[in-house]
N, C-alpha and C. Protein backbone atom coordinates (compact mmCIF):
# COMPACT_ATOMS: atom_id res chain seq x y z
N UNK A 1 0.83 -1.19 0.00
CA UNK A 1 0.00 0.00 0.00
C UNK A 1 0.88 1.26 0.00
N UNK A 2 1.98 1.20 0.72
CA UNK A 2 2.89 2.35 0.77
C UNK A 2 3.46 2.64 -0.62
N UNK A 3 3.73 1.59 -1.38
CA UNK A 3 4.25 1.77 -2.75
C UNK A 3 3.22 2.48 -3.63
N UNK A 4 1.95 2.05 -3.54
CA UNK A 4 0.88 2.67 -4.32
C UNK A 4 0.70 4.13 -3.94
N UNK A 5 0.73 4.41 -2.65
CA UNK A 5 0.58 5.79 -2.18
C UNK A 5 1.74 6.65 -2.68
N UNK A 6 2.94 6.09 -2.67
CA UNK A 6 4.11 6.82 -3.16
C UNK A 6 3.95 7.17 -4.64
N UNK A 7 3.42 6.23 -5.44
CA UNK A 7 3.19 6.50 -6.85
C UNK A 7 2.15 7.59 -7.06
N UNK A 8 1.11 7.57 -6.25
CA UNK A 8 0.06 8.60 -6.33
C UNK A 8 0.64 9.97 -6.01
N UNK A 9 1.42 10.04 -4.95
CA UNK A 9 2.02 11.32 -4.56
C UNK A 9 3.01 11.82 -5.61
N UNK A 10 3.74 10.91 -6.24
CA UNK A 10 4.66 11.29 -7.31
C UNK A 10 3.87 11.88 -8.48
N UNK A 11 2.75 11.26 -8.81
CA UNK A 11 1.90 11.77 -9.89
C UNK A 11 1.35 13.16 -9.54
N UNK A 12 0.95 13.36 -8.31
CA UNK A 12 0.44 14.67 -7.89
C UNK A 12 1.54 15.72 -7.99
N UNK A 13 2.77 15.34 -7.64
CA UNK A 13 3.89 16.28 -7.79
C UNK A 13 4.07 16.69 -9.25
N UNK A 14 3.91 15.74 -10.18
CA UNK A 14 4.01 16.07 -11.60
C UNK A 14 2.89 17.02 -12.01
N UNK A 15 1.68 16.79 -11.50
CA UNK A 15 0.56 17.68 -11.82
C UNK A 15 0.80 19.08 -11.27
N UNK A 16 1.43 19.17 -10.11
CA UNK A 16 1.71 20.48 -9.51
C UNK A 16 2.71 21.28 -10.33
N UNK A 17 3.46 20.64 -11.22
CA UNK A 17 4.41 21.34 -12.07
C UNK A 17 3.72 22.09 -13.20
N UNK A 18 2.48 21.75 -13.51
CA UNK A 18 1.75 22.40 -14.60
C UNK A 18 1.38 23.83 -14.23
N UNK A 19 1.49 24.72 -15.20
CA UNK A 19 1.10 26.11 -15.00
C UNK A 19 -0.40 26.24 -15.28
N UNK A 20 -1.18 26.43 -14.24
CA UNK A 20 -2.63 26.57 -14.38
C UNK A 20 -3.09 27.99 -14.08
N UNK A 21 -2.17 28.93 -14.09
CA UNK A 21 -2.51 30.31 -13.73
C UNK A 21 -3.51 30.94 -14.71
N UNK A 22 -3.54 30.48 -15.96
CA UNK A 22 -4.46 31.06 -16.95
C UNK A 22 -5.78 30.28 -17.04
N UNK A 23 -5.96 29.28 -16.18
CA UNK A 23 -7.16 28.45 -16.23
C UNK A 23 -8.14 28.93 -15.16
N UNK A 24 -9.38 29.23 -15.58
CA UNK A 24 -10.39 29.67 -14.62
C UNK A 24 -10.84 28.50 -13.75
N UNK A 25 -11.06 28.75 -12.46
CA UNK A 25 -11.58 27.69 -11.59
C UNK A 25 -12.97 27.25 -12.03
N UNK A 26 -13.28 25.97 -11.85
CA UNK A 26 -14.57 25.44 -12.26
C UNK A 26 -15.17 24.64 -11.11
N UNK A 27 -16.47 24.75 -10.94
CA UNK A 27 -17.16 23.93 -9.96
C UNK A 27 -17.79 22.72 -10.64
N UNK A 28 -18.09 22.84 -11.93
CA UNK A 28 -18.74 21.77 -12.69
C UNK A 28 -18.18 21.80 -14.10
N UNK A 29 -17.82 20.64 -14.62
CA UNK A 29 -17.35 20.57 -16.00
C UNK A 29 -18.57 20.58 -16.91
N UNK A 30 -18.66 21.58 -17.78
CA UNK A 30 -19.80 21.72 -18.67
C UNK A 30 -19.34 21.73 -20.12
N UNK A 31 -20.24 21.41 -21.01
CA UNK A 31 -19.96 21.50 -22.43
C UNK A 31 -19.91 22.96 -22.84
N UNK A 32 -19.34 23.22 -24.00
CA UNK A 32 -19.25 24.59 -24.50
C UNK A 32 -20.58 25.13 -25.01
N UNK A 33 -21.60 24.27 -25.15
CA UNK A 33 -22.88 24.68 -25.73
C UNK A 33 -23.51 25.82 -24.93
N UNK A 34 -23.73 25.61 -23.68
CA UNK A 34 -24.23 26.66 -22.79
C UNK A 34 -23.95 26.26 -21.35
N UNK A 35 -24.35 27.11 -20.41
CA UNK A 35 -24.00 26.90 -19.00
C UNK A 35 -24.58 25.62 -18.41
N UNK A 36 -25.72 25.16 -18.88
CA UNK A 36 -26.37 23.99 -18.28
C UNK A 36 -26.39 22.78 -19.20
N UNK A 37 -25.49 22.73 -20.17
CA UNK A 37 -25.51 21.65 -21.15
C UNK A 37 -25.34 20.27 -20.51
N UNK A 38 -24.61 20.16 -19.41
CA UNK A 38 -24.38 18.86 -18.78
C UNK A 38 -25.46 18.51 -17.76
N UNK A 39 -26.39 19.41 -17.56
CA UNK A 39 -27.41 19.20 -16.54
C UNK A 39 -28.77 19.00 -17.20
N UNK A 40 -29.61 18.18 -16.61
CA UNK A 40 -30.96 18.01 -17.14
C UNK A 40 -31.94 18.79 -16.27
N UNK A 41 -33.12 19.00 -16.79
CA UNK A 41 -34.14 19.71 -16.02
C UNK A 41 -34.54 18.89 -14.81
N UNK A 42 -34.83 19.55 -13.72
CA UNK A 42 -35.28 18.89 -12.51
C UNK A 42 -36.79 18.77 -12.59
N UNK A 43 -37.26 17.64 -13.11
CA UNK A 43 -38.68 17.43 -13.33
C UNK A 43 -39.18 16.32 -12.42
N UNK A 44 -40.29 16.58 -11.73
CA UNK A 44 -40.88 15.57 -10.86
C UNK A 44 -41.43 14.43 -11.71
N UNK A 45 -41.12 13.20 -11.31
CA UNK A 45 -41.60 12.04 -12.05
C UNK A 45 -42.21 11.03 -11.09
N UNK A 46 -43.05 10.17 -11.64
CA UNK A 46 -43.67 9.12 -10.84
C UNK A 46 -42.59 8.13 -10.40
N UNK A 47 -42.58 7.73 -9.13
CA UNK A 47 -41.59 6.75 -8.67
C UNK A 47 -41.70 5.45 -9.44
N UNK A 48 -40.61 4.70 -9.50
CA UNK A 48 -40.55 3.46 -10.25
C UNK A 48 -41.52 2.41 -9.70
N UNK A 49 -41.59 2.27 -8.40
CA UNK A 49 -42.48 1.28 -7.79
C UNK A 49 -41.78 -0.05 -7.59
N UNK A 50 -42.12 -0.74 -6.52
CA UNK A 50 -41.48 -1.99 -6.15
C UNK A 50 -41.67 -3.06 -7.22
N UNK A 51 -42.88 -3.23 -7.69
CA UNK A 51 -43.16 -4.28 -8.67
C UNK A 51 -42.33 -4.09 -9.94
N UNK A 52 -42.27 -2.88 -10.44
CA UNK A 52 -41.50 -2.60 -11.65
C UNK A 52 -40.01 -2.80 -11.40
N UNK A 53 -39.52 -2.34 -10.26
CA UNK A 53 -38.10 -2.47 -9.94
C UNK A 53 -37.68 -3.93 -9.84
N UNK A 54 -38.56 -4.78 -9.31
CA UNK A 54 -38.21 -6.19 -9.10
C UNK A 54 -38.55 -7.07 -10.30
N UNK A 55 -39.17 -6.51 -11.31
CA UNK A 55 -39.64 -7.30 -12.46
C UNK A 55 -38.53 -8.13 -13.11
N UNK A 56 -37.34 -7.59 -13.26
CA UNK A 56 -36.24 -8.31 -13.91
C UNK A 56 -35.23 -8.88 -12.92
N UNK A 57 -35.54 -8.85 -11.65
CA UNK A 57 -34.62 -9.40 -10.65
C UNK A 57 -34.54 -10.91 -10.79
N UNK A 58 -33.33 -11.48 -10.74
CA UNK A 58 -33.21 -12.94 -10.83
C UNK A 58 -33.97 -13.64 -9.71
N UNK A 59 -33.87 -13.08 -8.49
CA UNK A 59 -34.58 -13.65 -7.34
C UNK A 59 -35.07 -12.49 -6.47
N UNK A 60 -36.34 -12.55 -6.11
CA UNK A 60 -36.90 -11.53 -5.22
C UNK A 60 -37.89 -12.18 -4.29
N UNK A 61 -38.23 -11.46 -3.24
CA UNK A 61 -39.22 -11.95 -2.30
C UNK A 61 -39.53 -10.92 -1.26
N UNK A 62 -40.76 -10.86 -0.81
CA UNK A 62 -41.22 -9.92 0.22
C UNK A 62 -40.90 -8.48 -0.16
N UNK A 63 -40.90 -8.18 -1.47
CA UNK A 63 -40.68 -6.81 -1.90
C UNK A 63 -39.22 -6.38 -1.94
N UNK A 64 -38.28 -7.33 -1.91
CA UNK A 64 -36.85 -7.01 -1.90
C UNK A 64 -36.11 -7.85 -2.92
N UNK A 65 -34.92 -7.38 -3.32
CA UNK A 65 -34.02 -8.19 -4.12
C UNK A 65 -33.40 -9.22 -3.18
N UNK A 66 -33.31 -10.48 -3.61
CA UNK A 66 -32.63 -11.49 -2.82
C UNK A 66 -31.26 -11.71 -3.42
N UNK A 67 -30.24 -11.71 -2.57
CA UNK A 67 -28.86 -11.89 -3.01
C UNK A 67 -28.22 -13.02 -2.22
N UNK A 68 -27.16 -13.62 -2.75
CA UNK A 68 -26.50 -14.70 -2.02
C UNK A 68 -25.92 -14.20 -0.70
N UNK A 69 -25.89 -15.07 0.28
CA UNK A 69 -25.32 -14.74 1.59
C UNK A 69 -23.84 -14.43 1.44
N UNK A 70 -23.42 -13.31 1.98
CA UNK A 70 -22.02 -12.91 1.86
C UNK A 70 -21.31 -13.05 3.21
N UNK A 71 -21.99 -12.69 4.28
CA UNK A 71 -21.41 -12.74 5.60
C UNK A 71 -22.15 -13.78 6.43
N UNK A 72 -21.41 -14.71 7.01
CA UNK A 72 -22.03 -15.71 7.87
C UNK A 72 -21.86 -15.28 9.32
N UNK A 73 -22.84 -15.60 10.14
CA UNK A 73 -22.74 -15.26 11.57
C UNK A 73 -22.24 -16.42 12.35
C-alpha cells in the first residue's frame, strides 16, 4: 500500500508542475454549448415502484431483491 501511495504522490507532484494560472476555476465541468448543457431539467416524475423495480430481478421476495449470503454469523 505504501508503494501505491508513493506513486500517487509522485503523480500529484508532476501535476503540480503544470502552469494553471491562466485556467479559470470550475465547480462543474460543462460542455461549450451553454452553461447547463451537462445538466438536465429537474422534473418531478412518478416513482418506479417496487413491482417494476423487481420485475427483472433474478430472485426476489417480500418486496426485496434477494442476493447470495455474503457474511455468515
